[in-house]
Every structure is written in C-alpha cells, then in structure tokens.
Amino acid sequence: MNTLRLNLPTALTLSRIVLIPFFVLSVYGHPVIGALVFSIASITDFLDGYLARRSGQITKFGIIMDPLADKFLVISALIVLVDMERVSAFVAIMLIVRDFLVTGLRVVALSKDIVIPAEMGGKLKTTAQITAVLCLILMGSIFDNLPFDLYDIGTVFIWLALVLSVTSGVQYTVSFWRKV
C-alpha cells in the first residue's frame, strides 16, 4: 500500500475539497446549482472508494483524506444550513463532533497500521445527511410546487442522521478499542 500516489481515486477525493467553495458560493443565490455541486461532490465520495478498491489503488493518503474530504463537505453544508436557519446549531455540532471523533480514532488506528473500515452505520448516516442537505437546500426553490414539503423530509433525514451518527460513533469507538 503506497503512501501517496496521484491516481483517479485520489483525484476524486481532492476534487471533493476543491468543489466546496463553489458549493458555498452558489448555494445562497442559486440553491439548485448549489445542490448540483453538492451532489457531484457527494458522488465522488462513492466513486473514489469504489474505484480504489476495484483497481487496487488504495493508499494511506486516500484512507486518511477520503473521510476528511467527506467531513469538510458535510461540515460546510451543515454550517451553511445553520446560517440559513434550516438546521439547528445543536444538531450540526453533534454531527460535526461525532465526525471528528471517528476520524481521529481512524487516524490513530492507522498510525498503528490498523485500518478501521467504514461500517454500514456510518454509510447509512452519510446517506441520510446527503439526503437531508439536498432537501433542505432545495426547499423554497423551483421545487416548491411538489406535493410534499422538502423541509419536513430534510428535517426527518437530519434527525435520522443524528441517531445513526451517535449509534455508529459508538460502534467505531468500540471497534477502535478492540483493535488497538
């Protein structure tokens, strides 16, 4: 396993970080464009890991940077949503603290050559967060005439993400202590 090698999975991970300013700058005035940029960045989250595993291009750099890039993107979205008064600061802080805790545990484990892989709970949490962010960004936009309320759906998904976040955070912590 190489430490650093520029390959397609690594480029996708780095592109997620590069897209963050475009997301933040566009979301306020053009929520549909902001949602599109956020969606593209979110898709790179799936693609980089899939391609790295499939092509055998897993690197230590990717193992560390992939979750960090995810956290940067989601934290940016949460801060924007708090600023837009669509997510409470409490929920955003809880999600952010959990993400830093788990990322910190994974980095410490990796420093001991122990890989703590993503678990299903974390993947479900990420899916719920992405769904919530998109719904909460798009509410009040051109999708306002839908027969359902995007704010209500986004709120349900952000609370689901919080429950999954706490649950998977406990799972990661237990896994960390067992392996280390």
C-alpha atoms as a PDB file:
ATOM      1  CA  MET A   1       0.000   0.000   0.000  1.00  0.00           C
ATOM      2  CA  ASN A   2       1.575   3.237  -1.154  1.00  0.00           C
ATOM      3  CA  THR A   3       1.542   6.356   0.968  1.00  0.00           C
ATOM      4  CA  LEU A   4       0.870   8.860  -1.820  1.00  0.00           C
ATOM      5  CA  ARG A   5       0.245   8.271  -5.461  1.00  0.00           C
ATOM      6  CA  LEU A   6      -1.812  10.517  -7.682  1.00  0.00           C
ATOM      7  CA  ASN A   7      -4.405   8.278  -9.237  1.00  0.00           C
ATOM      8  CA  LEU A   8      -8.070   8.634 -10.191  1.00  0.00           C
ATOM      9  CA  PRO A   9      -9.426   7.806  -6.709  1.00  0.00           C
ATOM     10  CA  THR A  10      -7.067  10.346  -5.119  1.00  0.00           C
ATOM     11  CA  ALA A  11      -8.005  12.966  -7.730  1.00  0.00           C
ATOM     12  CA  LEU A  12     -11.703  12.388  -6.990  1.00  0.00           C
ATOM     13  CA  THR A  13     -11.074  12.791  -3.263  1.00  0.00           C
ATOM     14  CA  LEU A  14      -9.211  16.053  -3.837  1.00  0.00           C
ATOM     15  CA  SER A  15     -11.911  17.279  -6.245  1.00  0.00           C
ATOM     16  CA  ARG A  16     -14.444  16.988  -3.414  1.00  0.00           C
ATOM     17  CA  ILE A  17     -12.410  19.508  -1.420  1.00  0.00           C
ATOM     18  CA  VAL A  18     -11.995  21.791  -4.457  1.00  0.00           C
ATOM     19  CA  LEU A  19     -15.782  21.801  -5.023  1.00  0.00           C
ATOM     20  CA  ILE A  20     -16.554  23.105  -1.512  1.00  0.00           C
ATOM     21  CA  PRO A  21     -16.010  26.826  -2.274  1.00  0.00           C
ATOM     22  CA  PHE A  22     -18.146  26.506  -5.426  1.00  0.00           C
ATOM     23  CA  PHE A  23     -20.890  24.900  -3.350  1.00  0.00           C
ATOM     24  CA  VAL A  24     -20.776  27.566  -0.646  1.00  0.00           C
ATOM     25  CA  LEU A  25     -20.640  30.465  -3.117  1.00  0.00           C
ATOM     26  CA  SER A  26     -23.522  29.180  -5.231  1.00  0.00           C
ATOM     27  CA  VAL A  27     -25.953  27.780  -2.665  1.00  0.00           C
ATOM     28  CA  TYR A  28     -27.224  31.108  -1.294  1.00  0.00           C
ATOM     29  CA  GLY A  29     -28.156  32.777  -4.571  1.00  0.00           C
ATOM     30  CA  HIS A  30     -28.741  29.679  -6.672  1.00  0.00           C
ATOM     31  CA  PRO A  31     -29.808  26.739  -4.492  1.00  0.00           C
ATOM     32  CA  VAL A  32     -30.324  24.401  -7.455  1.00  0.00           C
ATOM     33  CA  ILE A  33     -26.751  24.997  -8.627  1.00  0.00           C
ATOM     34  CA  GLY A  34     -25.513  24.605  -5.036  1.00  0.00           C
ATOM     35  CA  ALA A  35     -27.413  21.316  -4.763  1.00  0.00           C
ATOM     36  CA  LEU A  36     -25.949  20.172  -8.071  1.00  0.00           C
ATOM     37  CA  VAL A  37     -22.391  20.953  -6.950  1.00  0.00           C
ATOM     38  CA  PHE A  38     -23.048  19.221  -3.608  1.00  0.00           C
ATOM     39  CA  SER A  39     -24.462  16.188  -5.458  1.00  0.00           C
ATOM     40  CA  ILE A  40     -21.440  15.941  -7.751  1.00  0.00           C
ATOM     41  CA  ALA A  41     -19.116  16.181  -4.749  1.00  0.00           C
ATOM     42  CA  SER A  42     -21.150  13.521  -2.930  1.00  0.00           C
ATOM     43  CA  ILE A  43     -20.963  11.182  -5.905  1.00  0.00           C
ATOM     44  CA  THR A  44     -17.165  11.449  -5.830  1.00  0.00           C
ATOM     45  CA  ASP A  45     -17.362  10.082  -2.277  1.00  0.00           C
ATOM     46  CA  PHE A  46     -18.839   6.846  -3.592  1.00  0.00           C
ATOM     47  CA  LEU A  47     -16.677   6.690  -6.704  1.00  0.00           C
ATOM     48  CA  ASP A  48     -13.256   7.238  -5.134  1.00  0.00           C
ATOM     49  CA  GLY A  49     -13.585   4.361  -2.683  1.00  0.00           C
ATOM     50  CA  TYR A  50     -15.192   2.058  -5.228  1.00  0.00           C
ATOM     51  CA  LEU A  51     -12.502   2.731  -7.832  1.00  0.00           C
ATOM     52  CA  ALA A  52      -9.670   2.447  -5.291  1.00  0.00           C
ATOM     53  CA  ARG A  53     -10.876  -0.971  -4.132  1.00  0.00           C
ATOM     54  CA  ARG A  54     -11.690  -2.227  -7.620  1.00  0.00           C
ATOM     55  CA  SER A  55      -8.380  -1.161  -9.144  1.00  0.00           C
ATOM     56  CA  GLY A  56      -6.217  -1.969  -6.118  1.00  0.00           C
ATOM     57  CA  GLN A  57      -5.181   1.687  -5.793  1.00  0.00           C
ATOM     58  CA  ILE A  58      -5.770   2.016  -2.056  1.00  0.00           C
ATOM     59  CA  THR A  59      -3.223   4.346  -0.462  1.00  0.00           C
ATOM     60  CA  LYS A  60      -2.638   5.529   3.098  1.00  0.00           C
ATOM     61  CA  PHE A  61      -3.173   9.055   1.808  1.00  0.00           C
ATOM     62  CA  GLY A  62      -6.574   8.032   0.440  1.00  0.00           C
ATOM     63  CA  ILE A  63      -7.518   6.207   3.619  1.00  0.00           C
ATOM     64  CA  ILE A  64      -6.906   9.423   5.573  1.00  0.00           C
ATOM     65  CA  MET A  65      -8.025  12.035   3.032  1.00  0.00           C
ATOM     66  CA  ASP A  66     -11.244  10.363   1.866  1.00  0.00           C
ATOM     67  CA  PRO A  67     -13.028  10.659   5.222  1.00  0.00           C
ATOM     68  CA  LEU A  68     -11.534  14.130   5.772  1.00  0.00           C
ATOM     69  CA  ALA A  69     -12.826  15.315   2.389  1.00  0.00           C
ATOM     70  CA  ASP A  70     -16.247  13.900   3.303  1.00  0.00           C
ATOM     71  CA  LYS A  71     -16.179  15.736   6.622  1.00  0.00           C
ATOM     72  CA  PHE A  72     -15.109  19.017   5.014  1.00  0.00           C
ATOM     73  CA  LEU A  73     -18.001  18.790   2.536  1.00  0.00           C
ATOM     74  CA  VAL A  74     -20.654  17.836   5.080  1.00  0.00           C
ATOM     75  CA  ILE A  75     -19.416  20.329   7.685  1.00  0.00           C
ATOM     76  CA  SER A  76     -19.524  23.084   5.053  1.00  0.00           C
ATOM     77  CA  ALA A  77     -23.104  22.129   4.206  1.00  0.00           C
ATOM     78  CA  LEU A  78     -24.122  21.988   7.870  1.00  0.00           C
ATOM     79  CA  ILE A  79     -22.649  25.440   8.546  1.00  0.00           C
ATOM     80  CA  VAL A  80     -24.485  26.833   5.513  1.00  0.00           C
ATOM     81  CA  LEU A  81     -27.748  25.237   6.682  1.00  0.00           C
ATOM     82  CA  VAL A  82     -27.310  26.639  10.204  1.00  0.00           C
ATOM     83  CA  ASP A  83     -26.649  30.052   8.654  1.00  0.00           C
ATOM     84  CA  MET A  84     -29.812  29.675   6.545  1.00  0.00           C
ATOM     85  CA  GLU A  85     -31.679  28.677   9.741  1.00  0.00           C
ATOM     86  CA  ARG A  86     -32.690  25.304   8.311  1.00  0.00           C
ATOM     87  CA  VAL A  87     -30.735  23.154  10.794  1.00  0.00           C
ATOM     88  CA  SER A  88     -30.288  23.829  14.487  1.00  0.00           C
ATOM     89  CA  ALA A  89     -26.787  24.523  15.736  1.00  0.00           C
ATOM     90  CA  PHE A  90     -27.207  21.673  18.257  1.00  0.00           C
ATOM     91  CA  VAL A  91     -27.766  19.080  15.520  1.00  0.00           C
ATOM     92  CA  ALA A  92     -24.890  20.443  13.415  1.00  0.00           C
ATOM     93  CA  ILE A  93     -22.494  20.442  16.385  1.00  0.00           C
ATOM     94  CA  MET A  94     -23.409  16.884  17.367  1.00  0.00           C
ATOM     95  CA  LEU A  95     -22.854  15.647  13.812  1.00  0.00           C
ATOM     96  CA  ILE A  96     -19.559  17.523  13.491  1.00  0.00           C
ATOM     97  CA  VAL A  97     -18.211  16.335  16.863  1.00  0.00           C
ATOM     98  CA  ARG A  98     -19.006  12.713  16.014  1.00  0.00           C
ATOM     99  CA  ASP A  99     -17.271  13.040  12.649  1.00  0.00           C
ATOM    100  CA  PHE A 100     -14.104  14.446  14.229  1.00  0.00           C
ATOM    101  CA  LEU A 101     -14.151  11.751  16.925  1.00  0.00           C
ATOM    102  CA  VAL A 102     -14.435   8.908  14.422  1.00  0.00           C
ATOM    103  CA  THR A 103     -11.898  10.433  12.025  1.00  0.00           C
ATOM    104  CA  GLY A 104      -9.466  10.934  14.919  1.00  0.00           C
ATOM    105  CA  LEU A 105      -9.875   7.323  16.034  1.00  0.00           C
ATOM    106  CA  ARG A 106      -9.316   6.078  12.490  1.00  0.00           C
ATOM    107  CA  VAL A 107      -6.146   8.183  12.097  1.00  0.00           C
ATOM    108  CA  VAL A 108      -4.744   6.950  15.430  1.00  0.00           C
ATOM    109  CA  ALA A 109      -5.518   3.357  14.434  1.00  0.00           C
ATOM    110  CA  LEU A 110      -3.906   3.885  11.023  1.00  0.00           C
ATOM    111  CA  SER A 111      -0.761   5.221  12.727  1.00  0.00           C
ATOM    112  CA  LYS A 112      -0.550   1.765  14.301  1.00  0.00           C
ATOM    113  CA  ASP A 113      -1.137   0.130  10.877  1.00  0.00           C
ATOM    114  CA  ILE A 114      -4.683  -0.803  11.852  1.00  0.00           C
ATOM    115  CA  VAL A 115      -7.401   0.058   9.349  1.00  0.00           C
ATOM    116  CA  ILE A 116     -10.870   0.611  10.757  1.00  0.00           C
ATOM    117  CA  PRO A 117     -13.057   0.387   7.663  1.00  0.00           C
ATOM    118  CA  ALA A 118     -16.284   2.269   7.164  1.00  0.00           C
ATOM    119  CA  GLU A 119     -19.191   0.411   8.705  1.00  0.00           C
ATOM    120  CA  MET A 120     -22.759   0.186   7.465  1.00  0.00           C
ATOM    121  CA  GLY A 121     -23.998   2.566  10.180  1.00  0.00           C
ATOM    122  CA  GLY A 122     -21.585   5.254   9.001  1.00  0.00           C
ATOM    123  CA  LYS A 123     -22.601   4.733   5.389  1.00  0.00           C
ATOM    124  CA  LEU A 124     -26.289   4.996   6.275  1.00  0.00           C
ATOM    125  CA  LYS A 125     -25.545   8.150   8.282  1.00  0.00           C
ATOM    126  CA  THR A 126     -23.780   9.678   5.296  1.00  0.00           C
ATOM    127  CA  THR A 127     -26.692   8.807   3.000  1.00  0.00           C
ATOM    128  CA  ALA A 128     -29.168  10.361   5.443  1.00  0.00           C
ATOM    129  CA  GLN A 129     -27.001  13.501   5.728  1.00  0.00           C
ATOM    130  CA  ILE A 130     -26.702  13.901   1.967  1.00  0.00           C
ATOM    131  CA  THR A 131     -30.459  13.445   1.534  1.00  0.00           C
ATOM    132  CA  ALA A 132     -31.165  15.943   4.321  1.00  0.00           C
ATOM    133  CA  VAL A 133     -28.743  18.518   2.933  1.00  0.00           C
ATOM    134  CA  LEU A 134     -30.207  18.305  -0.569  1.00  0.00           C
ATOM    135  CA  CYS A 135     -33.805  18.579   0.661  1.00  0.00           C
ATOM    136  CA  LEU A 136     -33.008  21.493   2.958  1.00  0.00           C
ATOM    137  CA  ILE A 137     -31.064  23.338   0.262  1.00  0.00           C
ATOM    138  CA  LEU A 138     -33.762  22.857  -2.360  1.00  0.00           C
ATOM    139  CA  MET A 139     -36.724  23.829  -0.173  1.00  0.00           C
ATOM    140  CA  GLY A 140     -38.257  27.049  -1.378  1.00  0.00           C
ATOM    141  CA  SER A 141     -36.574  26.781  -4.781  1.00  0.00           C
ATOM    142  CA  ILE A 142     -38.062  25.703  -8.095  1.00  0.00           C
ATOM    143  CA  PHE A 143     -39.161  22.501  -6.362  1.00  0.00           C
ATOM    144  CA  ASP A 144     -41.600  24.443  -4.153  1.00  0.00           C
ATOM    145  CA  ASN A 145     -44.665  23.127  -6.018  1.00  0.00           C
ATOM    146  CA  LEU A 146     -44.037  19.490  -5.147  1.00  0.00           C
ATOM    147  CA  PRO A 147     -46.869  17.645  -3.390  1.00  0.00           C
ATOM    148  CA  PHE A 148     -44.590  17.149  -0.352  1.00  0.00           C
ATOM    149  CA  ASP A 149     -42.592  19.517   1.818  1.00  0.00           C
ATOM    150  CA  LEU A 150     -38.831  19.267   1.313  1.00  0.00           C
ATOM    151  CA  TYR A 151     -38.221  20.964   4.667  1.00  0.00           C
ATOM    152  CA  ASP A 152     -40.147  18.252   6.523  1.00  0.00           C
ATOM    153  CA  ILE A 153     -38.351  15.483   4.626  1.00  0.00           C
ATOM    154  CA  GLY A 154     -34.978  17.148   5.200  1.00  0.00           C
ATOM    155  CA  THR A 155     -35.724  17.549   8.903  1.00  0.00           C
ATOM    156  CA  VAL A 156     -36.646  13.868   9.264  1.00  0.00           C
ATOM    157  CA  PHE A 157     -33.438  12.854   7.480  1.00  0.00           C
ATOM    158  CA  ILE A 158     -31.216  15.174   9.522  1.00  0.00           C
ATOM    159  CA  TRP A 159     -32.611  13.729  12.773  1.00  0.00           C
ATOM    160  CA  LEU A 160     -32.212  10.211  11.354  1.00  0.00           C
ATOM    161  CA  ALA A 161     -28.609  11.126  10.511  1.00  0.00           C
ATOM    162  CA  LEU A 162     -28.116  12.297  14.104  1.00  0.00           C
ATOM    163  CA  VAL A 163     -29.404   8.997  15.546  1.00  0.00           C
ATOM    164  CA  LEU A 164     -27.281   6.999  13.085  1.00  0.00           C
ATOM    165  CA  SER A 165     -24.341   9.275  13.860  1.00  0.00           C
ATOM    166  CA  VAL A 166     -24.444   8.582  17.582  1.00  0.00           C
ATOM    167  CA  THR A 167     -25.026   4.859  17.045  1.00  0.00           C
ATOM    168  CA  SER A 168     -22.238   4.435  14.500  1.00  0.00           C
ATOM    169  CA  GLY A 169     -19.943   6.666  16.579  1.00  0.00           C
ATOM    170  CA  VAL A 170     -20.322   4.226  19.470  1.00  0.00           C
ATOM    171  CA  GLN A 171     -19.676   1.305  17.079  1.00  0.00           C
ATOM    172  CA  TYR A 172     -16.471   2.921  15.774  1.00  0.00           C
ATOM    173  CA  THR A 173     -15.280   3.656  19.301  1.00  0.00           C
ATOM    174  CA  VAL A 174     -15.859   0.057  20.399  1.00  0.00           C
ATOM    175  CA  SER A 175     -14.171  -1.236  17.227  1.00  0.00           C
ATOM    176  CA  PHE A 176     -11.214   1.085  17.866  1.00  0.00           C
ATOM    177  CA  TRP A 177     -10.686  -0.133  21.437  1.00  0.00           C
ATOM    178  CA  ARG A 178     -10.959  -3.789  20.382  1.00  0.00           C
ATOM    179  CA  LYS A 179      -8.380  -3.411  17.614  1.00  0.00           C
ATOM    180  CA  VAL A 180      -5.960  -1.123  19.423  1.00  0.00           C
END
